[in-house]
Amino acid sequence: MAQKNKISGVLPVYKPEGWTSFDVVAKLRGITGIKKIGHGGTLDPMAAGVLPVFLGRAARACDIMPDDRKRYIAGFRLGETTDTLDITGRVTDSCGKKVSREDIETALAGFVGDILQVPPMYSAIKVNGKKLYELARAGETIEPEPREITVDEIKLTQFDEKSQTGVLVISCRKGTYVRALIRDIALKCGTFGVMTALERTFSGGFSLDECFTIAEITEAVSDRELRDILLPTDKIFDLYEDIRLGAFETRLYKNGVRLRAEQSGKEPDDRLYRVYGFDGEFLGLGRFFGTELGNFKSFFEV
């Protein structure tokens, strides 16, 4: 078990529908015997798709993933809404208006770019120290503050005017609630809308074809091949330039000593860097504090 707990890396997982993101983490803890596991980007239970999971020391990267792009395929139905903004909730409003495909495509133009979005009441956003879904379940209703989100692209790929059902493909950034997008698009069309299905096809730099199912991970663990399917932690930081240290500088850096610019081989700036030791070990992310290179987030074993 001690050897398992030394395993560290990134595992893109296909989250099944009906599971919470925490269910996936709990299952992997049981399968692998590794206690320190985190995930990058919560998915609703009714949603499926890409869930980056971080094992061991890699769990330190959960909240600092530089690639915040997300892509979703979302099913929707117009004519009603629920308290959760999806079909798992209680219907709160309905409307008999029939919307055309042209109506929707015209409305979509207003939801691309940097826009303001009011988060759903059933969400994990905290207000006064409590999560909104906890307040909602307690019967409290508040108006969450609008937040700025970024939507790169929305495409209507299917729409049946008779059933008022369709499919959207959405490319956006971290913090975007697809349920709320569907709500707002429907309101722009003069009706109500709910999300009927959701699959995340891209997250944190990973796509569907890179993901492993729970069954595949279970098989890899039983065959002692978990290390073979894990990706190195530094893969998610490919967007950052690297710094390679010499043996002396590596020892200083790992002991918390800030390095002079000439020791790092870089001119001081405001960027983050991937820092590697003399032996190729990924030490973590570094940045310049004034004219000295120091540790921003470490990933080496102490």
Protein backbone atom coordinates (compact mmCIF):
# COMPACT_ATOMS: atom_id res chain seq x y z
CA MET A 1 0.00 0.00 0.00
CA ALA A 2 2.87 2.37 0.77
CA GLN A 3 4.20 1.88 -2.75
CA LYS A 4 0.79 2.71 -4.22
CA ASN A 5 0.66 5.94 -2.28
CA LYS A 6 3.89 7.07 -4.00
CA ILE A 7 2.16 6.91 -7.37
CA SER A 8 1.51 10.36 -8.81
CA GLY A 9 0.02 11.53 -12.08
CA VAL A 10 -2.99 12.65 -14.06
CA LEU A 11 -5.77 10.34 -15.20
CA PRO A 12 -8.46 11.58 -17.60
CA VAL A 13 -11.59 9.66 -16.57
CA TYR A 14 -14.91 9.22 -18.36
CA LYS A 15 -17.45 10.05 -15.66
CA PRO A 16 -20.58 7.96 -16.07
CA GLU A 17 -24.05 9.49 -15.96
CA GLY A 18 -25.60 9.21 -12.51
CA TRP A 19 -22.28 9.55 -10.66
CA THR A 20 -21.11 12.67 -8.86
CA SER A 21 -17.53 13.80 -9.39
CA PHE A 22 -16.90 12.84 -5.75
CA ASP A 23 -18.27 9.34 -6.47
CA VAL A 24 -15.52 8.95 -9.08
CA VAL A 25 -12.85 10.09 -6.62
CA ALA A 26 -14.18 7.78 -3.88
CA LYS A 27 -14.28 4.83 -6.28
CA LEU A 28 -10.71 5.45 -7.41
CA ARG A 29 -9.52 5.66 -3.82
CA GLY A 30 -11.00 2.24 -3.25
CA ILE A 31 -9.61 0.77 -6.46
CA THR A 32 -6.09 2.17 -6.19
CA GLY A 33 -5.52 2.43 -2.46
CA ILE A 34 -4.34 6.01 -3.01
CA LYS A 35 -5.90 8.42 -0.54
CA LYS A 36 -4.81 11.75 -2.01
CA ILE A 37 -6.96 12.16 -5.12
CA GLY A 38 -8.64 15.25 -6.53
CA HIS A 39 -10.49 16.23 -9.69
CA GLY A 40 -10.42 19.21 -12.00
CA GLY A 41 -13.92 20.51 -12.71
CA THR A 42 -17.17 19.27 -11.16
CA LEU A 43 -19.76 17.62 -13.36
CA ASP A 44 -23.43 17.34 -12.38
CA PRO A 45 -24.63 13.79 -11.61
CA MET A 46 -26.81 13.71 -14.75
CA ALA A 47 -23.80 14.69 -16.90
CA ALA A 48 -21.19 12.37 -18.36
CA GLY A 49 -17.81 12.95 -19.94
CA VAL A 50 -14.27 14.16 -19.36
CA LEU A 51 -13.17 14.46 -15.73
CA PRO A 52 -9.44 15.05 -15.18
CA VAL A 53 -8.40 13.24 -11.98
CA PHE A 54 -5.16 13.87 -10.08
CA LEU A 55 -3.49 11.18 -7.99
CA GLY A 56 -0.88 11.58 -5.27
CA ARG A 57 1.27 14.70 -5.43
CA ALA A 58 -0.45 15.64 -8.68
CA ALA A 59 -3.55 16.53 -6.63
CA ARG A 60 -1.80 19.83 -5.88
CA ALA A 61 -2.59 20.82 -9.49
CA CYS A 62 -6.38 20.61 -9.21
CA ASP A 63 -6.98 24.33 -8.78
CA ILE A 64 -4.24 25.70 -11.04
CA MET A 65 -4.90 24.03 -14.39
CA PRO A 66 -3.90 26.61 -17.02
CA ASP A 67 -6.18 25.29 -19.78
CA ASP A 68 -9.67 26.37 -18.70
CA ARG A 69 -11.38 25.49 -21.98
CA LYS A 70 -14.48 23.27 -21.84
CA ARG A 71 -16.62 21.76 -24.57
CA TYR A 72 -20.09 20.27 -24.11
CA ILE A 73 -22.84 18.58 -26.06
CA ALA A 74 -26.10 19.58 -24.39
CA GLY A 75 -29.63 18.38 -25.01
CA PHE A 76 -32.49 20.76 -24.23
CA ARG A 77 -36.26 21.08 -24.32
CA LEU A 78 -38.21 24.31 -24.61
CA GLY A 79 -41.59 25.11 -23.06
CA GLU A 80 -40.88 24.54 -19.36
CA THR A 81 -38.31 25.11 -16.65
CA THR A 82 -37.48 23.50 -13.30
CA ASP A 83 -35.91 24.55 -10.03
CA THR A 84 -32.67 22.80 -11.01
CA LEU A 85 -32.82 23.99 -14.66
CA ASP A 86 -32.62 20.36 -15.83
CA ILE A 87 -35.04 17.45 -16.09
CA THR A 88 -34.14 16.13 -12.62
CA GLY A 89 -35.91 19.05 -10.97
CA ARG A 90 -39.46 20.12 -10.16
CA VAL A 91 -41.31 22.00 -12.91
CA THR A 92 -41.79 25.62 -11.86
CA ASP A 93 -42.99 27.33 -15.07
CA SER A 94 -44.26 26.42 -18.51
CA CYS A 95 -45.12 28.20 -21.75
CA GLY A 96 -47.06 27.10 -24.82
CA LYS A 97 -45.16 29.27 -27.31
CA LYS A 98 -43.59 27.41 -30.23
CA VAL A 99 -40.07 28.49 -31.12
CA SER A 100 -38.49 28.05 -34.56
CA ARG A 101 -34.92 27.00 -35.36
CA GLU A 102 -34.36 30.48 -36.77
CA ASP A 103 -35.48 32.04 -33.46
CA ILE A 104 -32.86 30.03 -31.56
CA GLU A 105 -30.03 30.70 -34.00
CA THR A 106 -30.78 34.43 -33.88
CA ALA A 107 -30.72 34.36 -30.06
CA LEU A 108 -27.42 32.45 -29.89
CA ALA A 109 -25.43 35.39 -31.26
CA GLY A 110 -26.02 37.25 -27.99
CA PHE A 111 -24.41 34.51 -25.91
CA VAL A 112 -20.94 34.43 -27.47
CA GLY A 113 -18.01 36.29 -25.95
CA ASP A 114 -17.65 37.71 -22.44
CA ILE A 115 -21.14 37.81 -20.95
CA LEU A 116 -22.80 37.98 -17.55
CA GLN A 117 -24.53 34.88 -16.21
CA VAL A 118 -26.63 34.38 -13.09
CA PRO A 119 -25.62 30.97 -11.66
CA PRO A 120 -28.31 28.38 -10.90
CA MET A 121 -29.59 28.10 -7.33
CA TYR A 122 -28.63 24.43 -7.44
CA SER A 123 -24.88 25.01 -7.74
CA ALA A 124 -21.82 24.78 -5.49
CA ILE A 125 -21.18 28.52 -5.45
CA LYS A 126 -20.91 29.82 -1.89
CA VAL A 127 -22.89 32.76 -0.50
CA ASN A 128 -22.09 33.81 3.07
CA GLY A 129 -20.19 30.57 3.58
CA LYS A 130 -22.98 28.26 2.37
CA LYS A 131 -23.33 26.55 -0.99
CA LEU A 132 -26.31 27.67 -3.05
CA TYR A 133 -27.66 24.13 -3.38
CA GLU A 134 -27.64 23.79 0.42
CA LEU A 135 -29.73 26.96 0.69
CA ALA A 136 -32.07 25.74 -2.06
CA ARG A 137 -32.62 22.39 -0.33
CA ALA A 138 -33.40 24.26 2.89
CA GLY A 139 -36.13 26.17 1.05
CA GLU A 140 -34.25 29.45 0.85
CA THR A 141 -34.29 31.36 -2.41
CA ILE A 142 -31.85 34.15 -3.14
CA GLU A 143 -30.78 35.93 -6.31
CA PRO A 144 -27.13 35.01 -6.97
CA GLU A 145 -24.91 37.80 -8.21
CA PRO A 146 -24.22 37.69 -11.98
CA ARG A 147 -20.71 36.52 -12.88
CA GLU A 148 -18.71 37.15 -16.03
CA ILE A 149 -18.19 34.04 -18.14
CA THR A 150 -16.65 33.43 -21.55
CA VAL A 151 -18.39 31.50 -24.30
CA ASP A 152 -16.21 30.91 -27.34
CA GLU A 153 -18.81 29.29 -29.59
CA ILE A 154 -22.36 27.88 -29.57
CA LYS A 155 -23.80 25.81 -32.39
CA LEU A 156 -27.33 24.47 -32.74
CA THR A 157 -26.74 21.05 -34.30
CA GLN A 158 -30.27 19.63 -33.95
CA PHE A 159 -33.74 21.05 -33.36
CA ASP A 160 -37.17 19.50 -33.80
CA GLU A 161 -39.84 22.19 -33.90
CA LYS A 162 -42.65 19.75 -33.16
CA SER A 163 -41.16 18.42 -29.90
CA GLN A 164 -39.24 21.65 -29.18
CA THR A 165 -36.13 19.61 -28.42
CA GLY A 166 -32.62 20.11 -29.69
CA VAL A 167 -28.87 19.81 -29.18
CA LEU A 168 -26.25 22.51 -28.64
CA VAL A 169 -22.48 22.20 -28.94
CA ILE A 170 -20.87 24.72 -26.58
CA SER A 171 -17.23 25.78 -26.28
CA CYS A 172 -16.67 27.89 -23.18
CA ARG A 173 -14.37 28.60 -20.25
CA LYS A 174 -14.30 27.55 -16.63
CA GLY A 175 -17.23 28.79 -14.54
CA THR A 176 -19.89 28.51 -17.26
CA TYR A 177 -23.14 26.77 -16.30
CA VAL A 178 -24.67 25.13 -19.35
CA ARG A 179 -28.03 24.80 -17.57
CA ALA A 180 -28.09 28.56 -17.07
CA LEU A 181 -27.13 29.17 -20.70
CA ILE A 182 -30.10 27.10 -21.85
CA ARG A 183 -32.35 28.99 -19.44
CA ASP A 184 -31.20 32.35 -20.79
CA ILE A 185 -31.34 31.35 -24.47
CA ALA A 186 -34.91 30.13 -23.98
CA LEU A 187 -35.90 33.36 -22.23
CA LYS A 188 -34.40 35.34 -25.11
CA CYS A 189 -36.73 33.36 -27.38
CA GLY A 190 -39.72 34.20 -25.17
CA THR A 191 -40.13 30.81 -23.53
CA PHE A 192 -38.62 28.52 -20.89
CA GLY A 193 -36.02 25.80 -21.28
CA VAL A 194 -34.46 22.87 -19.44
CA MET A 195 -31.35 20.81 -20.02
CA THR A 196 -32.16 17.19 -20.88
CA ALA A 197 -28.66 15.72 -21.29
CA LEU A 198 -25.04 16.81 -20.98
CA GLU A 199 -21.73 15.34 -22.07
CA ARG A 200 -18.42 17.13 -21.53
CA THR A 201 -16.20 16.29 -24.49
CA PHE A 202 -13.15 18.41 -23.56
CA SER A 203 -11.74 19.69 -20.27
CA GLY A 204 -8.34 20.72 -18.94
CA GLY A 205 -6.63 19.87 -22.23
CA PHE A 206 -8.14 16.36 -22.43
CA SER A 207 -10.69 15.02 -24.91
CA LEU A 208 -13.03 12.03 -24.83
CA ASP A 209 -10.69 9.73 -26.75
CA GLU A 210 -8.04 10.17 -24.04
CA CYS A 211 -10.33 9.10 -21.20
CA PHE A 212 -10.43 5.80 -19.33
CA THR A 213 -13.59 4.23 -17.99
CA ILE A 214 -13.85 3.01 -14.41
CA ALA A 215 -13.79 -0.57 -15.73
CA GLU A 216 -10.56 0.07 -17.67
CA ILE A 217 -8.91 1.63 -14.63
CA THR A 218 -10.00 -1.30 -12.45
CA GLU A 219 -8.46 -3.71 -14.94
CA ALA A 220 -5.20 -1.73 -15.09
CA VAL A 221 -4.91 -1.77 -11.29
CA SER A 222 -5.58 -5.51 -11.10
CA ASP A 223 -2.90 -6.09 -13.74
CA ARG A 224 -0.50 -3.76 -11.89
CA GLU A 225 -0.43 -1.40 -14.86
CA LEU A 226 -1.80 1.77 -13.23
CA ARG A 227 1.51 3.59 -13.83
CA ASP A 228 1.23 2.75 -17.54
CA ILE A 229 -1.99 4.73 -17.99
CA LEU A 230 -1.11 7.67 -15.76
CA LEU A 231 0.06 10.86 -17.45
CA PRO A 232 2.89 12.90 -15.91
CA THR A 233 1.74 15.92 -13.91
CA ASP A 234 3.70 18.36 -16.05
CA LYS A 235 1.62 17.46 -19.12
CA ILE A 236 -1.16 19.81 -18.04
CA PHE A 237 1.33 22.68 -17.86
CA ASP A 238 2.59 22.35 -21.43
CA LEU A 239 1.46 25.93 -22.08
CA TYR A 240 4.29 27.18 -19.86
CA GLU A 241 7.94 27.49 -20.90
CA ASP A 242 10.41 25.27 -19.03
CA ILE A 243 13.48 25.97 -16.93
CA ARG A 244 16.18 23.31 -16.49
CA LEU A 245 18.38 23.63 -13.41
CA GLY A 246 21.86 22.34 -12.74
CA ALA A 247 22.65 19.97 -9.87
CA PHE A 248 23.69 22.74 -7.45
CA GLU A 249 20.70 24.93 -8.34
CA THR A 250 18.36 21.94 -7.99
CA ARG A 251 19.45 21.37 -4.40
CA LEU A 252 18.99 25.05 -3.57
CA TYR A 253 15.57 25.22 -5.21
CA LYS A 254 14.29 22.09 -3.45
CA ASN A 255 15.42 23.57 -0.15
CA GLY A 256 13.34 26.69 -0.76
CA VAL A 257 16.17 28.97 -1.79
CA ARG A 258 15.33 31.53 -4.48
CA LEU A 259 17.71 31.55 -7.42
CA ARG A 260 19.32 34.53 -9.08
CA ALA A 261 18.20 35.18 -12.65
CA GLU A 262 21.54 34.01 -14.06
CA GLN A 263 21.18 30.71 -12.16
CA SER A 264 17.83 30.09 -13.83
CA GLY A 265 18.96 31.03 -17.33
CA LYS A 266 15.97 33.38 -17.77
CA GLU A 267 15.37 37.10 -17.61
CA PRO A 268 12.91 38.06 -14.84
CA ASP A 269 9.29 38.48 -15.97
CA ASP A 270 5.74 37.83 -14.69
CA ARG A 271 5.21 34.40 -16.25
CA LEU A 272 4.95 30.97 -14.65
CA TYR A 273 7.53 28.35 -15.66
CA ARG A 274 7.79 24.58 -15.51
CA VAL A 275 10.89 23.93 -13.42
CA TYR A 276 12.93 20.72 -13.80
CA GLY A 277 15.84 19.41 -11.78
CA PHE A 278 19.18 18.35 -13.23
CA ASP A 279 17.93 14.76 -13.50
CA GLY A 280 14.73 15.70 -15.36
CA GLU A 281 12.46 15.54 -12.30
CA PHE A 282 9.50 17.91 -12.54
CA LEU A 283 9.89 20.15 -9.50
CA GLY A 284 6.79 22.25 -10.07
CA LEU A 285 5.85 25.73 -11.18
CA GLY A 286 8.19 28.62 -10.53
CA ARG A 287 7.99 32.38 -10.96
CA PHE A 288 10.17 35.39 -10.44
CA PHE A 289 9.82 37.32 -7.23
CA GLY A 290 11.53 40.50 -8.27
CA THR A 291 14.80 39.31 -9.81
CA GLU A 292 14.83 35.88 -8.12
CA LEU A 293 13.24 32.62 -9.26
CA GLY A 294 11.21 30.97 -6.51
CA ASN A 295 8.68 28.20 -6.01
CA PHE A 296 5.05 28.92 -6.94
CA LYS A 297 3.73 25.35 -6.56
CA SER A 298 5.92 22.34 -5.82
CA PHE A 299 5.36 18.77 -7.02
CA PHE A 300 8.53 17.08 -5.82
CA GLU A 301 8.56 14.61 -2.95
CA VAL A 302 9.79 16.15 0.28
